[in-house]
Protein backbone atom coordinates (compact mmCIF):
# COMPACT_ATOMS: atom_id res chain seq x y z
CA MET A 1 -0.21 0.13 -0.27
CA PHE A 2 2.50 2.21 0.90
CA ASN A 3 5.95 0.26 -0.24
CA LYS A 4 7.75 1.34 3.10
CA PRO A 5 8.29 0.39 6.64
CA ILE A 6 5.12 1.76 8.64
CA SER A 7 7.60 3.60 10.92
CA ASP A 8 8.65 5.77 7.96
CA ILE A 9 5.18 6.28 6.76
CA THR A 10 4.51 10.45 6.90
CA PHE A 11 1.68 12.35 6.93
CA GLU A 12 2.77 13.12 3.05
CA ASP A 13 2.37 9.65 2.19
CA VAL A 14 -1.44 9.37 3.67
CA TYR A 15 -2.31 12.66 2.09
CA GLN A 16 -0.99 11.39 -1.62
CA LEU A 17 -3.12 8.07 -0.88
CA VAL A 18 -6.67 9.53 -0.01
CA ASN A 19 -6.68 13.11 -1.17
CA THR A 20 -4.61 13.32 -4.11
CA ARG A 21 -4.92 9.51 -5.34
CA LYS A 22 -8.49 8.92 -4.10
CA THR A 23 -7.73 5.34 -3.51
CA PRO A 24 -11.06 3.68 -2.25
CA SER A 25 -11.64 1.09 0.25
CA ASN A 26 -10.82 -2.30 -1.06
CA ARG A 27 -10.04 -5.73 0.48
CA TYR A 28 -6.73 -4.27 2.09
CA LEU A 29 -7.60 -1.03 2.92
CA GLU A 30 -10.75 0.52 5.12
CA TYR A 31 -11.02 3.99 6.12
CA GLN A 32 -12.60 5.11 9.33
CA ILE A 33 -13.62 8.43 10.53
CA PRO A 34 -15.42 7.67 14.03
CA ALA A 35 -18.49 9.12 14.97
CA ILE A 36 -16.89 10.16 18.26
CA ASP A 37 -15.25 13.00 16.56
CA ALA A 38 -18.44 14.77 15.95
CA VAL A 39 -20.37 13.79 19.57
CA SER A 40 -19.93 13.16 22.89
CA TYR A 41 -16.63 10.26 23.37
CA LEU A 42 -19.14 8.69 26.16
CA GLU A 43 -22.21 8.39 24.03
CA ASN A 44 -20.24 6.54 20.90
CA ILE A 45 -17.20 5.14 22.39
CA SER A 46 -18.72 1.49 22.82
CA SER A 47 -19.32 1.50 19.15
CA PHE A 48 -15.95 2.56 18.22
CA GLU A 49 -14.56 -0.25 20.36
CA LEU A 50 -16.71 -2.48 18.76
CA TYR A 51 -15.60 -1.32 14.82
CA LEU A 52 -12.00 -1.67 16.17
CA ALA A 53 -12.30 -5.24 17.19
CA GLN A 54 -14.53 -6.02 13.89
CA ASN A 55 -11.96 -4.57 11.96
CA THR A 56 -8.59 -5.93 13.38
CA SER A 57 -10.07 -9.36 13.75
CA ALA A 58 -11.53 -9.39 10.01
CA PHE A 59 -7.95 -8.44 8.52
CA ALA A 60 -6.49 -10.90 10.66
CA ASN A 61 -8.92 -13.63 9.80
CA SER A 62 -8.50 -12.54 6.20
CA ALA A 63 -5.53 -11.70 3.89
CA GLY A 64 -4.52 -8.83 6.28
CA GLY A 65 -4.59 -5.14 5.36
CA TRP A 66 -4.60 -1.58 6.08
CA LEU A 67 -6.92 0.54 8.55
CA ILE A 68 -6.65 4.38 8.09
CA ILE A 69 -8.42 6.12 11.31
CA GLY A 70 -9.06 9.81 10.52
CA VAL A 71 -10.23 9.80 6.78
CA ASN A 72 -13.93 10.37 5.44
CA GLU A 73 -14.33 7.86 3.31
CA GLU A 74 -17.33 9.27 1.39
CA GLN A 75 -15.17 12.52 0.66
CA LEU A 76 -12.05 10.45 0.72
CA GLN A 77 -10.24 13.07 2.62
CA VAL A 78 -7.87 13.37 5.90
CA THR A 79 -10.10 15.13 8.43
CA GLY A 80 -8.09 13.84 11.55
CA ILE A 81 -9.04 12.37 14.90
CA ASP A 82 -8.32 13.73 18.56
CA LYS A 83 -5.17 12.26 19.97
CA GLU A 84 -6.35 11.23 23.26
CA ILE A 85 -9.67 9.26 23.80
CA ASN A 86 -10.58 9.27 27.62
CA LYS A 87 -7.37 10.81 28.52
CA GLN A 88 -5.24 8.12 27.19
CA PRO A 89 -2.84 8.66 23.86
CA ILE A 90 -5.12 7.10 21.34
CA LYS A 91 -2.32 4.73 20.52
CA GLU A 92 -2.74 3.34 24.08
CA TRP A 93 -6.23 3.34 23.89
CA ILE A 94 -6.55 1.23 20.77
CA ALA A 95 -4.15 -1.58 22.19
CA GLN A 96 -6.11 -1.67 25.27
CA THR A 97 -9.57 -2.06 23.34
CA ILE A 98 -7.94 -4.81 21.02
CA LEU A 99 -6.34 -6.38 23.76
CA LEU A 100 -10.06 -6.52 25.53
CA HIS A 101 -11.91 -7.10 23.01
CA VAL A 102 -10.71 -9.92 20.31
CA ASP A 103 -9.39 -13.16 21.47
CA VAL A 104 -6.71 -14.67 20.63
CA GLN A 105 -4.46 -11.39 20.41
CA PRO A 106 -3.77 -10.55 16.75
CA THR A 107 -0.30 -9.09 15.52
CA TYR A 108 -0.53 -5.39 14.58
CA ASP A 109 1.71 -2.28 13.78
CA ILE A 110 0.45 0.85 14.48
CA VAL A 111 1.90 4.79 14.17
CA THR A 112 0.38 8.33 15.18
CA ILE A 113 1.01 10.64 12.49
CA ASP A 114 0.44 14.34 13.30
CA ILE A 115 -1.47 16.56 11.03
CA PRO A 116 0.72 19.95 10.04
CA ASP A 117 -0.85 23.04 10.60
CA SER A 118 -3.76 21.37 12.65
CA GLU A 119 -5.60 24.25 14.94
CA THR A 120 -7.42 21.47 16.84
CA ASN A 121 -4.21 19.25 17.37
CA GLN A 122 -5.62 16.22 15.26
CA ALA A 123 -4.02 13.06 14.24
CA VAL A 124 -4.53 10.64 12.04
CA VAL A 125 -3.86 6.75 12.59
CA VAL A 126 -2.39 3.95 10.70
CA MET A 127 -2.58 0.24 11.51
CA HIS A 128 -1.50 -2.74 9.41
CA ILE A 129 -2.85 -6.03 10.15
CA PRO A 130 -1.03 -8.81 8.76
CA GLU A 131 -2.96 -12.03 7.60
CA SER A 132 -2.63 -13.83 11.42
CA ALA A 133 -0.84 -17.40 11.76
CA ASP A 134 -3.20 -17.97 14.59
CA LYS A 135 -6.53 -17.38 13.21
CA PRO A 136 -9.19 -17.30 13.97
CA HIS A 137 -9.68 -14.67 16.03
CA MET A 138 -12.85 -14.01 17.74
CA VAL A 139 -14.64 -10.66 18.62
CA VAL A 140 -15.41 -10.81 22.42
CA PRO A 141 -18.67 -8.96 23.08
CA GLU A 142 -20.26 -10.64 20.16
CA ASN A 143 -18.97 -14.20 20.33
CA LYS A 144 -18.66 -13.59 16.35
CA TYR A 145 -15.40 -14.29 13.89
CA PHE A 146 -15.50 -11.79 11.60
CA LEU A 147 -13.96 -12.03 7.90
CA ARG A 148 -13.28 -9.32 5.02
CA ARG A 149 -14.99 -9.72 1.97
CA ASN A 150 -14.06 -6.98 -0.30
CA THR A 151 -14.95 -3.93 1.54
CA GLU A 152 -17.87 -5.68 3.92
CA ILE A 153 -16.99 -6.96 6.94
CA LYS A 154 -19.19 -10.23 7.56
CA PRO A 155 -19.34 -13.08 10.46
CA ALA A 156 -17.61 -16.03 9.22
CA SER A 157 -19.69 -19.14 8.49
CA HIS A 158 -19.18 -22.79 10.05
CA GLN A 159 -17.37 -23.86 7.18
CA GLU A 160 -15.30 -20.82 7.10
CA LEU A 161 -14.46 -21.11 10.95
CA LYS A 162 -13.56 -24.74 9.87
CA GLU A 163 -10.80 -23.64 7.25
CA MET A 164 -9.49 -20.94 9.33
CA PHE A 165 -8.48 -23.34 12.31
CA ALA A 166 -7.04 -25.97 9.27
CA HIS A 167 -4.88 -22.92 7.75
CA SER A 168 -3.71 -22.55 11.28
CA GLN A 169 -3.03 -25.97 12.15
CA HIS A 170 -1.48 -26.60 8.24
CA ARG A 171 1.41 -23.26 8.95
CA ALA A 172 2.07 -24.98 12.38
CA SER A 173 2.45 -28.44 10.78
CA ALA A 174 5.11 -26.66 8.02
CA LEU A 175 6.80 -24.96 10.87
CA ASP A 176 7.56 -28.56 12.88
CA ASP A 177 8.57 -29.79 9.27
CA PHE A 178 10.84 -27.23 8.71
CA LEU A 179 12.70 -27.48 11.63
CA TYR A 180 12.84 -31.31 11.30
CA LYS A 181 14.37 -30.89 8.20
CA ARG A 182 16.63 -28.70 9.72
CA ASN A 183 17.20 -30.94 12.51
CA LEU A 184 16.63 -28.14 15.22
CA TRP A 185 13.51 -30.35 16.10
CA ASP A 186 14.81 -33.16 18.65
CA GLU A 187 17.91 -32.30 20.71
CA THR A 188 18.01 -35.92 21.56
CA HIS A 189 18.66 -36.92 17.78
CA PRO A 190 22.39 -37.80 17.30
CA LYS A 191 22.18 -35.47 14.41
CA PHE A 192 20.68 -32.54 16.01
CA GLY A 193 22.35 -29.43 14.84
CA TYR A 194 24.04 -30.98 12.07
CA ASN A 195 23.74 -29.78 8.76
CA ILE A 196 25.78 -28.98 5.27
CA ASN A 197 27.12 -25.77 7.29
CA SER A 198 27.42 -26.66 10.81
CA SER A 199 29.69 -30.29 9.95
CA LYS A 200 32.08 -28.15 8.59
CA LEU A 201 32.65 -25.69 11.63
CA HIS A 202 36.55 -25.55 12.30
CA ASN A 203 37.93 -25.82 15.71
CA LEU A 204 41.01 -26.22 17.35
CA ILE A 205 39.76 -28.58 20.14
CA ASN A 206 41.18 -31.91 20.12
CA ARG A 207 37.64 -34.15 20.52
CA ALA A 208 36.23 -36.45 18.70
CA LYS A 209 33.04 -34.47 18.58
CA LYS A 210 33.47 -30.64 17.62
CA PRO A 211 31.00 -28.47 19.91
CA PHE A 212 29.32 -25.67 18.30
CA ILE A 213 26.21 -23.56 18.42
CA LEU A 214 23.53 -22.28 16.29
CA PHE A 215 21.42 -18.91 16.39
CA SER A 216 18.38 -19.28 14.48
CA LEU A 217 15.98 -16.91 13.70
CA ILE A 218 12.70 -18.82 12.61
CA PRO A 219 9.51 -17.34 11.14
CA LYS A 220 6.20 -18.83 11.47
CA ALA A 221 5.60 -19.07 8.08
CA PRO A 222 8.65 -21.22 6.51
CA LYS A 223 7.09 -21.64 2.76
CA VAL A 224 6.47 -17.96 2.23
CA GLU A 225 9.22 -16.15 0.37
CA LYS A 226 10.05 -12.78 2.11
CA ILE A 227 13.18 -11.23 0.53
CA PRO A 228 12.11 -8.68 -1.64
CA PHE A 229 15.37 -8.06 -3.31
CA GLY A 230 17.41 -9.73 -6.44
CA VAL A 231 20.42 -11.33 -5.40
CA LYS A 232 22.80 -8.63 -6.29
CA GLU A 233 20.67 -6.11 -4.20
CA PHE A 234 20.58 -8.08 -1.08
CA LYS A 235 24.10 -8.77 -1.22
CA GLU A 236 24.35 -4.55 -1.02
CA TRP A 237 21.71 -4.64 1.54
CA LEU A 238 23.65 -6.97 3.85
CA LYS A 239 27.28 -5.24 3.61
CA ARG A 240 25.21 -1.81 4.67
CA ASN A 241 23.75 -3.97 7.72
CA ALA A 242 26.66 -6.01 9.00
CA ARG A 243 27.26 -3.79 12.01
CA ASN A 244 25.89 -0.90 14.16
CA TYR A 245 24.28 -3.18 16.49
CA LYS A 246 23.87 -3.06 20.42
CA PRO A 247 25.64 -4.01 22.67
CA SER A 248 28.74 -3.81 20.47
CA GLU A 249 28.26 -1.24 17.55
CA ARG A 250 32.09 -2.05 16.23
CA SER A 251 31.75 -5.80 16.13
CA LYS A 252 30.46 -7.20 12.82
CA LEU A 253 27.49 -9.75 13.12
CA PHE A 254 28.69 -11.44 9.99
CA SER A 255 31.18 -11.31 7.10
CA THR A 256 30.31 -10.48 3.61
CA TYR A 257 33.28 -11.56 1.93
CA ASP A 258 32.54 -15.38 0.69
CA ILE A 259 29.11 -15.41 -0.55
CA ASP A 260 27.66 -18.59 -1.56
CA THR A 261 24.24 -18.40 -3.60
CA SER A 262 21.41 -20.97 -3.95
CA LEU A 263 18.16 -21.57 -4.96
CA HIS A 264 16.66 -21.33 -1.36
CA GLY A 265 19.13 -18.15 -0.27
CA LEU A 266 22.57 -17.21 0.57
CA THR A 267 25.10 -18.37 3.21
CA LEU A 268 28.15 -15.97 3.67
CA LYS A 269 30.60 -17.81 5.35
CA ASN A 270 34.09 -16.98 7.22
CA ILE A 271 36.77 -18.73 6.13
CA LYS A 272 40.23 -18.51 7.34
CA ASN A 273 43.46 -20.36 5.73
CA ARG A 274 41.87 -21.11 2.69
CA HIS A 275 39.27 -23.72 3.70
CA GLU A 276 38.97 -23.57 7.72
CA LEU A 277 35.04 -22.51 7.78
CA THR A 278 35.32 -20.58 11.49
CA SER A 279 31.54 -19.06 11.07
CA TYR A 280 28.79 -18.81 9.03
CA PHE A 281 25.47 -16.78 8.35
CA GLU A 282 22.70 -18.49 6.59
CA ILE A 283 19.66 -16.63 5.21
CA LEU A 284 16.64 -18.28 3.39
CA ASN A 285 14.53 -16.74 1.06
CA ASN A 286 11.57 -17.71 3.62
CA GLY A 287 13.14 -15.35 6.22
CA TYR A 288 15.15 -18.10 8.07
CA ILE A 289 18.64 -17.05 9.65
CA GLU A 290 21.03 -19.34 10.91
CA SER A 291 24.71 -18.42 12.42
CA GLY A 292 26.77 -21.34 13.34
CA MET A 293 30.24 -20.94 15.24
CA SER A 294 32.44 -23.01 17.21
CA GLN A 295 35.82 -21.83 17.80
CA HIS A 296 34.59 -18.30 18.80
CA VAL A 297 32.76 -19.55 21.39
CA ALA A 298 34.30 -22.81 22.62
CA TYR A 299 38.09 -23.60 22.85
CA GLU A 300 40.66 -25.57 25.46
CA GLU A 301 42.45 -24.25 28.33
CA ARG A 302 44.82 -25.79 30.59
CA ALA A 303 43.64 -26.05 34.36
CA LYS A 304 45.33 -24.95 37.08
CA HIS A 305 47.01 -27.79 39.53
CA ARG A 306 46.36 -30.56 36.85
CA GLU A 307 47.88 -31.81 34.00
CA GLU A 308 44.40 -31.49 31.65
CA GLN A 309 43.17 -29.59 29.17
CA ILE A 310 39.78 -28.30 30.03
CA GLY A 311 36.79 -27.15 27.37
CA ILE A 312 35.42 -23.94 27.78
CA ILE A 313 31.86 -22.33 26.53
CA ASN A 314 32.43 -18.55 26.55
CA LEU A 315 29.24 -17.11 28.30
CA THR A 316 29.99 -13.47 27.05
CA ASN A 317 30.21 -14.25 23.64
CA ILE A 318 26.81 -16.06 23.02
CA VAL A 319 24.95 -13.43 24.56
CA GLY A 320 26.92 -10.71 23.32
CA TYR A 321 25.96 -11.86 19.88
CA GLN A 322 22.63 -13.37 20.40
CA MET A 323 21.76 -9.50 21.51
CA MET A 324 23.06 -8.00 18.29
CA LEU A 325 21.41 -10.79 16.08
CA LEU A 326 17.97 -9.44 18.15
CA ASP A 327 18.87 -5.87 17.03
CA PHE A 328 19.34 -7.18 13.77
CA SER A 329 16.40 -8.95 13.54
CA ARG A 330 14.70 -5.40 13.61
CA ASN A 331 15.85 -4.24 10.60
CA PHE A 332 15.90 -7.51 8.39
CA PHE A 333 12.06 -8.06 9.00
CA ASP A 334 11.02 -4.68 8.53
CA MET A 335 13.03 -4.83 5.43
CA ALA A 336 10.99 -8.39 4.55
CA ASN A 337 8.09 -6.71 5.68
CA TYR A 338 6.97 -9.44 7.78
CA HIS A 339 4.85 -8.58 11.09
CA ASP A 340 4.17 -11.93 12.63
CA GLU A 341 6.07 -13.84 15.36
CA VAL A 342 9.68 -15.09 14.99
CA SER A 343 11.29 -17.47 17.30
CA LEU A 344 15.18 -17.21 18.74
CA GLN A 345 16.12 -20.63 19.04
CA LEU A 346 20.04 -21.14 20.63
CA SER A 347 20.91 -24.90 19.67
CA PHE A 348 23.96 -25.97 21.65
CA VAL A 349 25.67 -29.10 20.25
CA ASN A 350 28.19 -31.55 21.73
CA VAL A 351 28.86 -29.62 24.70
CA LEU A 352 28.44 -32.35 27.70
CA HIS A 353 31.36 -32.27 30.12
CA TYR A 354 32.25 -28.68 29.03
CA THR A 355 32.71 -25.62 31.69
CA LEU A 356 31.68 -22.22 31.34
CA SER A 357 33.78 -19.37 31.23
CA GLY A 358 33.59 -15.58 30.18
CA PHE A 359 31.69 -14.31 33.11
CA HIS A 360 31.31 -10.54 33.62
CA SER A 361 34.32 -9.20 35.25
CA LYS A 362 32.33 -7.76 38.37
CA TYR A 363 32.52 -11.66 39.23
CA PHE A 364 35.85 -11.26 40.01
CA ASN A 365 36.32 -14.95 41.71
CA SER A 366 34.25 -16.72 38.83
CA ARG A 367 36.79 -17.76 36.48
CA LEU A 368 37.85 -20.27 39.39
CA TYR A 369 34.55 -21.97 38.58
CA TYR A 370 36.10 -23.97 35.25
CA PHE A 371 38.63 -25.44 37.63
CA TYR A 372 36.26 -27.47 39.67
CA ASP A 373 34.88 -30.73 37.89
CA GLU A 374 31.39 -29.76 39.85
CA TYR A 375 30.85 -26.73 37.58
CA GLN A 376 30.10 -28.53 34.05
CA ASN A 377 27.30 -29.46 32.08
CA LYS A 378 27.07 -32.71 33.28
CA TYR A 379 23.74 -33.85 31.64
CA ASP A 380 22.94 -32.57 28.17
CA PRO A 381 25.54 -33.29 25.24
CA ASN A 382 22.61 -30.95 23.06
CA PHE A 383 20.27 -28.66 24.35
CA LYS A 384 18.26 -25.61 22.97
CA LEU A 385 16.76 -22.40 24.22
CA ILE A 386 13.67 -20.73 22.73
CA GLU A 387 12.02 -17.53 23.04
CA LYS A 388 9.25 -15.92 20.66
CA PHE A 389 8.99 -12.37 19.74
CA TYR A 390 7.47 -10.20 17.07
CA PRO A 391 10.36 -7.90 15.61
CA GLN A 392 8.32 -4.65 15.09
CA GLN A 393 7.86 -4.42 18.71
CA LEU A 394 10.81 -5.76 19.62
CA THR A 395 12.47 -2.85 21.87
CA ASP A 396 15.77 -2.20 23.89
CA ASP A 397 14.79 -3.50 27.07
CA ASP A 398 12.63 -6.75 25.77
CA ILE A 399 16.32 -7.68 24.08
CA LEU A 400 17.79 -6.96 27.38
CA GLN A 401 15.54 -9.07 29.10
CA ILE A 402 15.36 -12.48 26.28
CA ALA A 403 19.40 -12.15 26.69
CA LYS A 404 19.26 -11.93 30.81
CA LYS A 405 16.75 -14.64 30.63
CA ASN A 406 18.72 -17.28 28.16
CA ALA A 407 21.99 -16.43 30.23
CA GLU A 408 20.56 -17.51 33.51
CA LYS A 409 19.62 -20.75 31.45
CA ILE A 410 22.86 -21.09 30.28
CA CYS A 411 24.68 -20.94 33.55
CA ARG A 412 22.22 -23.38 35.15
CA ALA A 413 22.85 -25.81 32.44
CA PHE A 414 26.37 -25.74 32.97
CA GLY A 415 25.97 -26.03 36.86
CA LEU A 416 25.75 -22.54 37.97
CA GLU A 417 23.18 -21.04 40.45
CA GLN A 418 23.00 -17.48 38.94
CA ASP A 419 23.73 -15.56 35.53
CA MET A 420 27.56 -14.49 35.65
CA ALA A 421 27.02 -12.62 32.33
CA PHE A 422 25.46 -9.15 33.43
CA PHE A 423 26.15 -6.74 36.20
CA GLU A 424 23.56 -4.04 36.37
CA ASP A 425 22.15 -4.97 33.02
CA LYS A 426 25.10 -4.83 31.03
CA ILE A 427 27.69 -7.35 29.81
CA ASP A 428 31.12 -6.73 29.87
CA LEU A 429 32.18 -5.43 26.42
CA THR A 430 36.05 -5.42 27.12
CA ASN A 431 35.55 -9.20 27.57
CA PHE A 432 33.28 -9.10 24.69
CA SER A 433 35.73 -7.42 22.31
CA TYR A 434 38.00 -10.44 22.03
CA PHE A 435 34.98 -11.74 20.09
CA ASP A 436 36.05 -11.44 16.14
CA LEU A 437 34.27 -12.94 13.32
């Protein structure tokens, strides 16, 4: 509709759509100027709440679309709406209304755009509601499921309701099948984590099974292509977006020197000494991303007081890279115009009897932990951590909380009773500076 991320939409974009091009409502576009603009909010607020719930559920249950509030549909003019309803910013009021009136909560993006030179402090609200992977969504006050048919909203029939449930089940099955084929589904399987790239990861550790860790971003719809560019343009986009991610803006998320292309996507490889694959960053056309590494996060050190080499897993490198990847996901899925749920999966492979190091320097005695056998991963050769999120709704604080939660779980897996990566909500960037792809 706008051919740009919703966060970049301006009043001029809306004005061109409505006033200049006179684009009417259609299957994917709905305008509304609520009656509450003209009369008392208290008299009409319930009808506006119901209108929002019906439209949001109808778009989510159908093929998705755009809802623009503050437009006179008959005259095709941007007229605006008050920025507050019941003393709440309209964006917050809409979020609360949908939360209370629609079950299950659908995904949507929303932006409030001020109307320039408005004497009455008016704005226009633009919402994008994608087709839902979790449909059907019910409007709670009416106990009905709605669909959008051309420009009309109609209750779903019994057959249509069955089809929506079947659609969601099919998408869930497709995702499970995709993960199974990638060897990411069952961590007890002997081939868990292994693929054509991860099986070639280089590490100097002198053990039969080399440890490695996979960082995966998994969109919910693995059968739908999402990359809007050709290969050449996408390579250029990747070069421009290889770094500048918190918590270490100078560190690279991936190398853009050795790139393999295939029918299904790209693989960016970090190769040293002509043949040693030290890390890779794979992006498929369906939006799946996998970063694999071994020697950047796993190595051996000689134990003090014992003639023995101990296998080490570096906590800070894992946590810091995970945070960078989550920050990158906001750019990537915004570029791909993907608004649905994404899963972050960390897959630990061949890490039995390894010990944890790379702690925040504030835990000054913590490096001594790996000198004692009791602080080891004694139980799980392979394990995985999964966190689900919506990229367009992901805040810096969300990234911090996901990272802290996973850091605590990693520490538990290696026999520690507390998270050792964060101190006062920060990782040790001096420690992380040794991480270099």
